PDB file of N, CA and C in Angstrom:
ATOM      1  N   MET A   1       0.849  -1.167   0.000  1.00  0.00           N
ATOM      2  CA  MET A   1       0.000   0.000   0.000  1.00  0.00           C
ATOM      3  C   MET A   1       0.896   1.233   0.000  1.00  0.00           C
ATOM      4  N   SER A   2       0.582   2.157  -0.847  1.00  0.00           N
ATOM      5  CA  SER A   2       1.395   3.365  -0.908  1.00  0.00           C
ATOM      6  C   SER A   2       0.958   4.355   0.163  1.00  0.00           C
ATOM      7  N   SER A   3       1.793   5.328   0.408  1.00  0.00           N
ATOM      8  CA  SER A   3       1.531   6.271   1.488  1.00  0.00           C
ATOM      9  C   SER A   3       0.433   7.273   1.160  1.00  0.00           C
ATOM     10  N   ASP A   4       0.030   7.367  -0.114  1.00  0.00           N
ATOM     11  CA  ASP A   4      -1.013   8.325  -0.463  1.00  0.00           C
ATOM     12  C   ASP A   4      -2.421   7.776  -0.234  1.00  0.00           C
ATOM     13  N   GLN A   5      -2.558   6.486   0.064  1.00  0.00           N
ATOM     14  CA  GLN A   5      -3.869   5.910   0.370  1.00  0.00           C
ATOM     15  C   GLN A   5      -4.192   6.125   1.845  1.00  0.00           C
ATOM     16  N   PRO A   6      -5.437   6.467   2.156  1.00  0.00           N
ATOM     17  CA  PRO A   6      -5.793   6.675   3.558  1.00  0.00           C
ATOM     18  C   PRO A   6      -5.819   5.361   4.329  1.00  0.00           C
ATOM     19  N   GLN A   7      -5.460   5.419   5.572  1.00  0.00           N
ATOM     20  CA  GLN A   7      -5.493   4.250   6.446  1.00  0.00           C
ATOM     21  C   GLN A   7      -6.907   4.071   7.003  1.00  0.00           C
ATOM     22  N   SER A   8      -7.295   2.846   7.207  1.00  0.00           N
ATOM     23  CA  SER A   8      -8.611   2.552   7.745  1.00  0.00           C
ATOM     24  C   SER A   8      -8.613   2.764   9.256  1.00  0.00           C
ATOM     25  N   ALA A   9      -9.728   3.283   9.760  1.00  0.00           N
ATOM     26  CA  ALA A   9      -9.864   3.512  11.196  1.00  0.00           C
ATOM     27  C   ALA A   9     -10.617   2.379  11.879  1.00  0.00           C
ATOM     28  N   LEU A  10     -10.928   1.318  11.159  1.00  0.00           N
ATOM     29  CA  LEU A  10     -11.708   0.235  11.754  1.00  0.00           C
ATOM     30  C   LEU A  10     -10.951  -0.463  12.885  1.00  0.00           C
ATOM     31  N   ASN A  11      -9.650  -0.611  12.748  1.00  0.00           N
ATOM     32  CA  ASN A  11      -8.886  -1.255  13.814  1.00  0.00           C
ATOM     33  C   ASN A  11      -8.847  -0.388  15.069  1.00  0.00           C
ATOM     34  N   LEU A  12      -8.741   0.911  14.897  1.00  0.00           N
ATOM     35  CA  LEU A  12      -8.796   1.808  16.048  1.00  0.00           C
ATOM     36  C   LEU A  12     -10.172   1.750  16.696  1.00  0.00           C
ATOM     37  N   ARG A  13     -11.220   1.738  15.884  1.00  0.00           N
ATOM     38  CA  ARG A  13     -12.576   1.625  16.421  1.00  0.00           C
ATOM     39  C   ARG A  13     -12.742   0.310  17.172  1.00  0.00           C
ATOM     40  N   LEU A  14     -12.156  -0.758  16.650  1.00  0.00           N
ATOM     41  CA  LEU A  14     -12.242  -2.059  17.310  1.00  0.00           C
ATOM     42  C   LEU A  14     -11.549  -2.024  18.669  1.00  0.00           C
ATOM     43  N   ALA A  15     -10.360  -1.449  18.724  1.00  0.00           N
ATOM     44  CA  ALA A  15      -9.621  -1.359  19.991  1.00  0.00           C
ATOM     45  C   ALA A  15     -10.380  -0.500  21.010  1.00  0.00           C
ATOM     46  N   LEU A  16     -10.898   0.631  20.570  1.00  0.00           N
ATOM     47  CA  LEU A  16     -11.655   1.492  21.476  1.00  0.00           C
ATOM     48  C   LEU A  16     -12.952   0.828  21.927  1.00  0.00           C
ATOM     49  N   ASN A  17     -13.556   0.063  21.036  1.00  0.00           N
ATOM     50  CA  ASN A  17     -14.774  -0.649  21.393  1.00  0.00           C
ATOM     51  C   ASN A  17     -14.498  -1.700  22.462  1.00  0.00           C
ATOM     52  N   LEU A  18     -13.420  -2.447  22.295  1.00  0.00           N
ATOM     53  CA  LEU A  18     -13.084  -3.464  23.292  1.00  0.00           C
ATOM     54  C   LEU A  18     -12.757  -2.832  24.644  1.00  0.00           C
ATOM     55  N   PHE A  19     -12.070  -1.685  24.614  1.00  0.00           N
ATOM     56  CA  PHE A  19     -11.819  -0.964  25.861  1.00  0.00           C
ATOM     57  C   PHE A  19     -13.137  -0.533  26.496  1.00  0.00           C
ATOM     58  N   GLY A  20     -14.056  -0.043  25.701  1.00  0.00           N
ATOM     59  CA  GLY A  20     -15.362   0.377  26.216  1.00  0.00           C
ATOM     60  C   GLY A  20     -16.144  -0.778  26.806  1.00  0.00           C
ATOM     61  N   MET A  21     -16.037  -1.954  26.183  1.00  0.00           N
ATOM     62  CA  MET A  21     -16.727  -3.124  26.727  1.00  0.00           C
ATOM     63  C   MET A  21     -16.165  -3.524  28.091  1.00  0.00           C
ATOM     64  N   VAL A  22     -14.852  -3.492  28.216  1.00  0.00           N
ATOM     65  CA  VAL A  22     -14.231  -3.825  29.507  1.00  0.00           C
ATOM     66  C   VAL A  22     -14.626  -2.788  30.562  1.00  0.00           C
ATOM     67  N   PHE A  23     -14.583  -1.511  30.182  1.00  0.00           N
ATOM     68  CA  PHE A  23     -14.930  -0.439  31.113  1.00  0.00           C
ATOM     69  C   PHE A  23     -16.377  -0.552  31.580  1.00  0.00           C
ATOM     70  N   THR A  24     -17.292  -0.782  30.655  1.00  0.00           N
ATOM     71  CA  THR A  24     -18.696  -0.888  31.060  1.00  0.00           C
ATOM     72  C   THR A  24     -18.951  -2.162  31.853  1.00  0.00           C
ATOM     73  N   GLY A  25     -18.215  -3.231  31.557  1.00  0.00           N
ATOM     74  CA  GLY A  25     -18.336  -4.444  32.370  1.00  0.00           C
ATOM     75  C   GLY A  25     -17.922  -4.203  33.811  1.00  0.00           C
ATOM     76  N   VAL A  26     -16.825  -3.477  34.000  1.00  0.00           N
ATOM     77  CA  VAL A  26     -16.381  -3.124  35.353  1.00  0.00           C
ATOM     78  C   VAL A  26     -17.395  -2.194  36.018  1.00  0.00           C
ATOM     79  N   LEU A  27     -17.928  -1.252  35.246  1.00  0.00           N
ATOM     80  CA  LEU A  27     -18.946  -0.333  35.771  1.00  0.00           C
ATOM     81  C   LEU A  27     -20.172  -1.093  36.252  1.00  0.00           C
ATOM     82  N   ILE A  28     -20.629  -2.052  35.459  1.00  0.00           N
ATOM     83  CA  ILE A  28     -21.795  -2.846  35.854  1.00  0.00           C
ATOM     84  C   ILE A  28     -21.491  -3.649  37.110  1.00  0.00           C
ATOM     85  N   PHE A  29     -20.326  -4.269  37.151  1.00  0.00           N
ATOM     86  CA  PHE A  29     -19.961  -5.052  38.330  1.00  0.00           C
ATOM     87  C   PHE A  29     -19.940  -4.187  39.594  1.00  0.00           C
ATOM     88  N   LEU A  30     -19.308  -3.022  39.506  1.00  0.00           N
ATOM     89  CA  LEU A  30     -19.245  -2.150  40.679  1.00  0.00           C
ATOM     90  C   LEU A  30     -20.615  -1.617  41.064  1.00  0.00           C
ATOM     91  N   ALA A  31     -21.450  -1.314  40.079  1.00  0.00           N
ATOM     92  CA  ALA A  31     -22.796  -0.827  40.377  1.00  0.00           C
ATOM     93  C   ALA A  31     -23.626  -1.890  41.075  1.00  0.00           C
ATOM     94  N   ILE A  32     -23.500  -3.127  40.644  1.00  0.00           N
ATOM     95  CA  ILE A  32     -24.225  -4.211  41.310  1.00  0.00           C
ATOM     96  C   ILE A  32     -23.651  -4.459  42.698  1.00  0.00           C
ATOM     97  N   PHE A  33     -22.343  -4.402  42.816  1.00  0.00           N
ATOM     98  CA  PHE A  33     -21.695  -4.627  44.110  1.00  0.00           C
ATOM     99  C   PHE A  33     -22.124  -3.585  45.143  1.00  0.00           C
ATOM    100  N   PHE A  34     -22.271  -2.322  44.719  1.00  0.00           N
ATOM    101  CA  PHE A  34     -22.666  -1.253  45.624  1.00  0.00           C
ATOM    102  C   PHE A  34     -24.166  -0.974  45.591  1.00  0.00           C
ATOM    103  N   HIS A  35     -24.946  -1.885  45.009  1.00  0.00           N
ATOM    104  CA  HIS A  35     -26.411  -1.817  44.988  1.00  0.00           C
ATOM    105  C   HIS A  35     -26.933  -0.519  44.374  1.00  0.00           C
ATOM    106  N   ASN A  36     -26.355  -0.107  43.276  1.00  0.00           N
ATOM    107  CA  ASN A  36     -26.797   1.096  42.565  1.00  0.00           C
ATOM    108  C   ASN A  36     -27.462   0.656  41.263  1.00  0.00           C
ATOM    109  N   ARG A  37     -28.796   0.512  41.307  1.00  0.00           N
ATOM    110  CA  ARG A  37     -29.529  -0.008  40.154  1.00  0.00           C
ATOM    111  C   ARG A  37     -29.489   0.937  38.963  1.00  0.00           C
ATOM    112  N   ALA A  38     -29.589   2.227  39.193  1.00  0.00           N
ATOM    113  CA  ALA A  38     -29.607   3.185  38.088  1.00  0.00           C
ATOM    114  C   ALA A  38     -28.297   3.123  37.300  1.00  0.00           C
ATOM    115  N   LEU A  39     -27.191   3.059  38.005  1.00  0.00           N
ATOM    116  CA  LEU A  39     -25.897   2.974  37.334  1.00  0.00           C
ATOM    117  C   LEU A  39     -25.727   1.629  36.628  1.00  0.00           C
ATOM    118  N   ALA A  40     -26.269   0.569  37.212  1.00  0.00           N
ATOM    119  CA  ALA A  40     -26.192  -0.746  36.580  1.00  0.00           C
ATOM    120  C   ALA A  40     -27.001  -0.764  35.288  1.00  0.00           C
ATOM    121  N   VAL A  41     -28.183  -0.164  35.301  1.00  0.00           N
ATOM    122  CA  VAL A  41     -29.010  -0.114  34.098  1.00  0.00           C
ATOM    123  C   VAL A  41     -28.316   0.723  33.028  1.00  0.00           C
ATOM    124  N   LEU A  42     -27.741   1.850  33.407  1.00  0.00           N
ATOM    125  CA  LEU A  42     -27.002   2.674  32.457  1.00  0.00           C
ATOM    126  C   LEU A  42     -25.824   1.895  31.866  1.00  0.00           C
ATOM    127  N   GLY A  43     -25.138   1.152  32.700  1.00  0.00           N
ATOM    128  CA  GLY A  43     -24.025   0.335  32.226  1.00  0.00           C
ATOM    129  C   GLY A  43     -24.472  -0.739  31.244  1.00  0.00           C
ATOM    130  N   VAL A  44     -25.602  -1.371  31.509  1.00  0.00           N
ATOM    131  CA  VAL A  44     -26.120  -2.394  30.598  1.00  0.00           C
ATOM    132  C   VAL A  44     -26.500  -1.770  29.262  1.00  0.00           C
ATOM    133  N   ILE A  45     -27.109  -0.584  29.294  1.00  0.00           N
ATOM    134  CA  ILE A  45     -27.453   0.112  28.050  1.00  0.00           C
ATOM    135  C   ILE A  45     -26.187   0.424  27.256  1.00  0.00           C
ATOM    136  N   LEU A  46     -25.155   0.926  27.926  1.00  0.00           N
ATOM    137  CA  LEU A  46     -23.896   1.213  27.244  1.00  0.00           C
ATOM    138  C   LEU A  46     -23.246  -0.052  26.699  1.00  0.00           C
ATOM    139  N   LEU A  47     -23.349  -1.145  27.438  1.00  0.00           N
ATOM    140  CA  LEU A  47     -22.776  -2.413  26.980  1.00  0.00           C
ATOM    141  C   LEU A  47     -23.492  -2.922  25.731  1.00  0.00           C
ATOM    142  N   VAL A  48     -24.797  -2.790  25.689  1.00  0.00           N
ATOM    143  CA  VAL A  48     -25.550  -3.200  24.494  1.00  0.00           C
ATOM    144  C   VAL A  48     -25.135  -2.355  23.291  1.00  0.00           C
ATOM    145  N   ILE A  49     -24.951  -1.061  23.502  1.00  0.00           N
ATOM    146  CA  ILE A  49     -24.523  -0.178  22.415  1.00  0.00           C
ATOM    147  C   ILE A  49     -23.144  -0.587  21.913  1.00  0.00           C
ATOM    148  N   THR A  50     -22.226  -0.904  22.819  1.00  0.00           N
ATOM    149  CA  THR A  50     -20.883  -1.298  22.389  1.00  0.00           C
ATOM    150  C   THR A  50     -20.899  -2.643  21.658  1.00  0.00           C
ATOM    151  N   ILE A  51     -21.783  -3.545  22.063  1.00  0.00           N
ATOM    152  CA  ILE A  51     -21.878  -4.835  21.378  1.00  0.00           C
ATOM    153  C   ILE A  51     -22.415  -4.641  19.960  1.00  0.00           C
ATOM    154  N   VAL A  52     -23.432  -3.783  19.809  1.00  0.00           N
ATOM    155  CA  VAL A  52     -23.959  -3.505  18.469  1.00  0.00           C
ATOM    156  C   VAL A  52     -22.878  -2.859  17.606  1.00  0.00           C
ATOM    157  N   ASP A  53     -22.129  -1.922  18.175  1.00  0.00           N
ATOM    158  CA  ASP A  53     -21.053  -1.283  17.422  1.00  0.00           C
ATOM    159  C   ASP A  53     -19.970  -2.293  17.046  1.00  0.00           C
ATOM    160  N   LEU A  54     -19.671  -3.230  17.920  1.00  0.00           N
ATOM    161  CA  LEU A  54     -18.695  -4.283  17.619  1.00  0.00           C
ATOM    162  C   LEU A  54     -19.147  -5.116  16.427  1.00  0.00           C
ATOM    163  N   VAL A  55     -20.418  -5.467  16.387  1.00  0.00           N
ATOM    164  CA  VAL A  55     -20.948  -6.247  15.269  1.00  0.00           C
ATOM    165  C   VAL A  55     -20.815  -5.452  13.974  1.00  0.00           C
ATOM    166  N   VAL A  56     -21.131  -4.164  14.003  1.00  0.00           N
ATOM    167  CA  VAL A  56     -21.018  -3.316  12.814  1.00  0.00           C
ATOM    168  C   VAL A  56     -19.565  -3.251  12.342  1.00  0.00           C
ATOM    169  N   ILE A  57     -18.635  -3.091  13.256  1.00  0.00           N
ATOM    170  CA  ILE A  57     -17.215  -3.027  12.899  1.00  0.00           C
ATOM    171  C   ILE A  57     -16.759  -4.324  12.253  1.00  0.00           C
ATOM    172  N   LEU A  58     -17.143  -5.454  12.832  1.00  0.00           N
ATOM    173  CA  LEU A  58     -16.721  -6.737  12.282  1.00  0.00           C
ATOM    174  C   LEU A  58     -17.339  -6.993  10.910  1.00  0.00           C
ATOM    175  N   ILE A  59     -18.585  -6.577  10.715  1.00  0.00           N
ATOM    176  CA  ILE A  59     -19.215  -6.716   9.392  1.00  0.00           C
ATOM    177  C   ILE A  59     -18.473  -5.870   8.367  1.00  0.00           C
ATOM    178  N   ARG A  60     -18.123  -4.647   8.719  1.00  0.00           N
ATOM    179  CA  ARG A  60     -17.399  -3.771   7.780  1.00  0.00           C
ATOM    180  C   ARG A  60     -16.016  -4.322   7.454  1.00  0.00           C
ATOM    181  N   ARG A  61     -15.325  -4.877   8.452  1.00  0.00           N
ATOM    182  CA  ARG A  61     -14.011  -5.462   8.189  1.00  0.00           C
ATOM    183  C   ARG A  61     -14.129  -6.664   7.260  1.00  0.00           C
ATOM    184  N   ARG A  62     -15.146  -7.491   7.473  1.00  0.00           N
ATOM    185  CA  ARG A  62     -15.334  -8.662   6.627  1.00  0.00           C
ATOM    186  C   ARG A  62     -15.666  -8.252   5.195  1.00  0.00           C
ATOM    187  N   ARG A  63     -16.539  -7.262   5.029  1.00  0.00           N
ATOM    188  CA  ARG A  63     -16.872  -6.782   3.684  1.00  0.00           C
ATOM    189  C   ARG A  63     -15.647  -6.216   2.974  1.00  0.00           C
ATOM    190  N   ARG A  64     -14.850  -5.456   3.711  1.00  0.00           N
ATOM    191  CA  ARG A  64     -13.653  -4.871   3.117  1.00  0.00           C
ATOM    192  C   ARG A  64     -12.672  -5.963   2.697  1.00  0.00           C
ATOM    193  N   HIS A  65     -12.546  -6.984   3.525  1.00  0.00           N
ATOM    194  CA  HIS A  65     -11.624  -8.068   3.199  1.00  0.00           C
ATOM    195  C   HIS A  65     -12.110  -8.859   1.979  1.00  0.00           C
ATOM    196  N   ARG A  66     -13.411  -9.050   1.853  1.00  0.00           N
ATOM    197  CA  ARG A  66     -13.950  -9.746   0.683  1.00  0.00           C
ATOM    198  C   ARG A  66     -13.787  -8.908  -0.582  1.00  0.00           C
ATOM    199  N   ARG A  67     -13.953  -7.603  -0.459  1.00  0.00           N
ATOM    200  CA  ARG A  67     -13.856  -6.709  -1.613  1.00  0.00           C
ATOM    201  C   ARG A  67     -12.413  -6.594  -2.097  1.00  0.00           C
ATOM    202  N   GLU A  68     -11.465  -6.537  -1.167  1.00  0.00           N
ATOM    203  CA  GLU A  68     -10.050  -6.385  -1.501  1.00  0.00           C
ATOM    204  C   GLU A  68      -9.237  -7.413  -0.720  1.00  0.00           C
ATOM    205  N   PRO A  69      -9.238  -8.675  -1.152  1.00  0.00           N
ATOM    206  CA  PRO A  69      -8.618  -9.742  -0.351  1.00  0.00           C
ATOM    207  C   PRO A  69      -7.100  -9.647  -0.207  1.00  0.00           C
ATOM    208  N   GLU A  70      -6.427  -9.075  -1.160  1.00  0.00           N
ATOM    209  CA  GLU A  70      -4.962  -9.031  -1.112  1.00  0.00           C
ATOM    210  C   GLU A  70      -4.417  -7.753  -0.493  1.00  0.00           C
ATOM    211  N   THR A  71      -5.267  -6.788  -0.194  1.00  0.00           N
ATOM    212  CA  THR A  71      -4.829  -5.483   0.298  1.00  0.00           C
ATOM    213  C   THR A  71      -4.732  -5.492   1.816  1.00  0.00           C
ATOM    214  N   LYS A  72      -3.648  -4.951   2.320  1.00  0.00           N
ATOM    215  CA  LYS A  72      -3.474  -4.760   3.761  1.00  0.00           C
ATOM    216  C   LYS A  72      -3.854  -3.324   4.087  1.00  0.00           C
ATOM    217  N   HIS A  73      -4.857  -3.154   4.946  1.00  0.00           N
ATOM    218  CA  HIS A  73      -5.342  -1.815   5.270  1.00  0.00           C
ATOM    219  C   HIS A  73      -4.640  -1.224   6.493  1.00  0.00           C
ATOM    220  N   SER A  74      -3.973  -2.073   7.245  1.00  0.00           N
ATOM    221  CA  SER A  74      -3.231  -1.590   8.402  1.00  0.00           C
ATOM    222  C   SER A  74      -2.174  -2.630   8.751  1.00  0.00           C
ATOM    223  N   ILE A  75      -1.377  -2.339   9.740  1.00  0.00           N
ATOM    224  CA  ILE A  75      -0.334  -3.286  10.134  1.00  0.00           C
ATOM    225  C   ILE A  75      -0.914  -4.481  10.901  1.00  0.00           C
ATOM    226  N   PHE A  76      -2.184  -4.403  11.308  1.00  0.00           N
ATOM    227  CA  PHE A  76      -2.798  -5.470  12.098  1.00  0.00           C
ATOM    228  C   PHE A  76      -3.538  -6.500  11.261  1.00  0.00           C
ATOM    229  N   GLU A  77      -3.553  -6.321   9.949  1.00  0.00           N
ATOM    230  CA  GLU A  77      -4.252  -7.257   9.092  1.00  0.00           C
ATOM    231  C   GLU A  77      -3.282  -8.051   8.259  1.00  0.00           C
TER     232      GLU A  77
END
């Protein structure tokens, strides 16, 4: 890949998404441990959003790989 082609941000989105999932998992655990239902519900809502975003990211990566099978879009692929 030449330097004039833009780099894909999907891997960065994937890393940030996984960090968000871990963070919200810890948030939910602490909210349940300290009996804070409102914070636990908020954490579950955020976790569902991150899971949906993870699915979208993985679908986009798979489509990109099928469209351009020989192209490396980042150093992680």
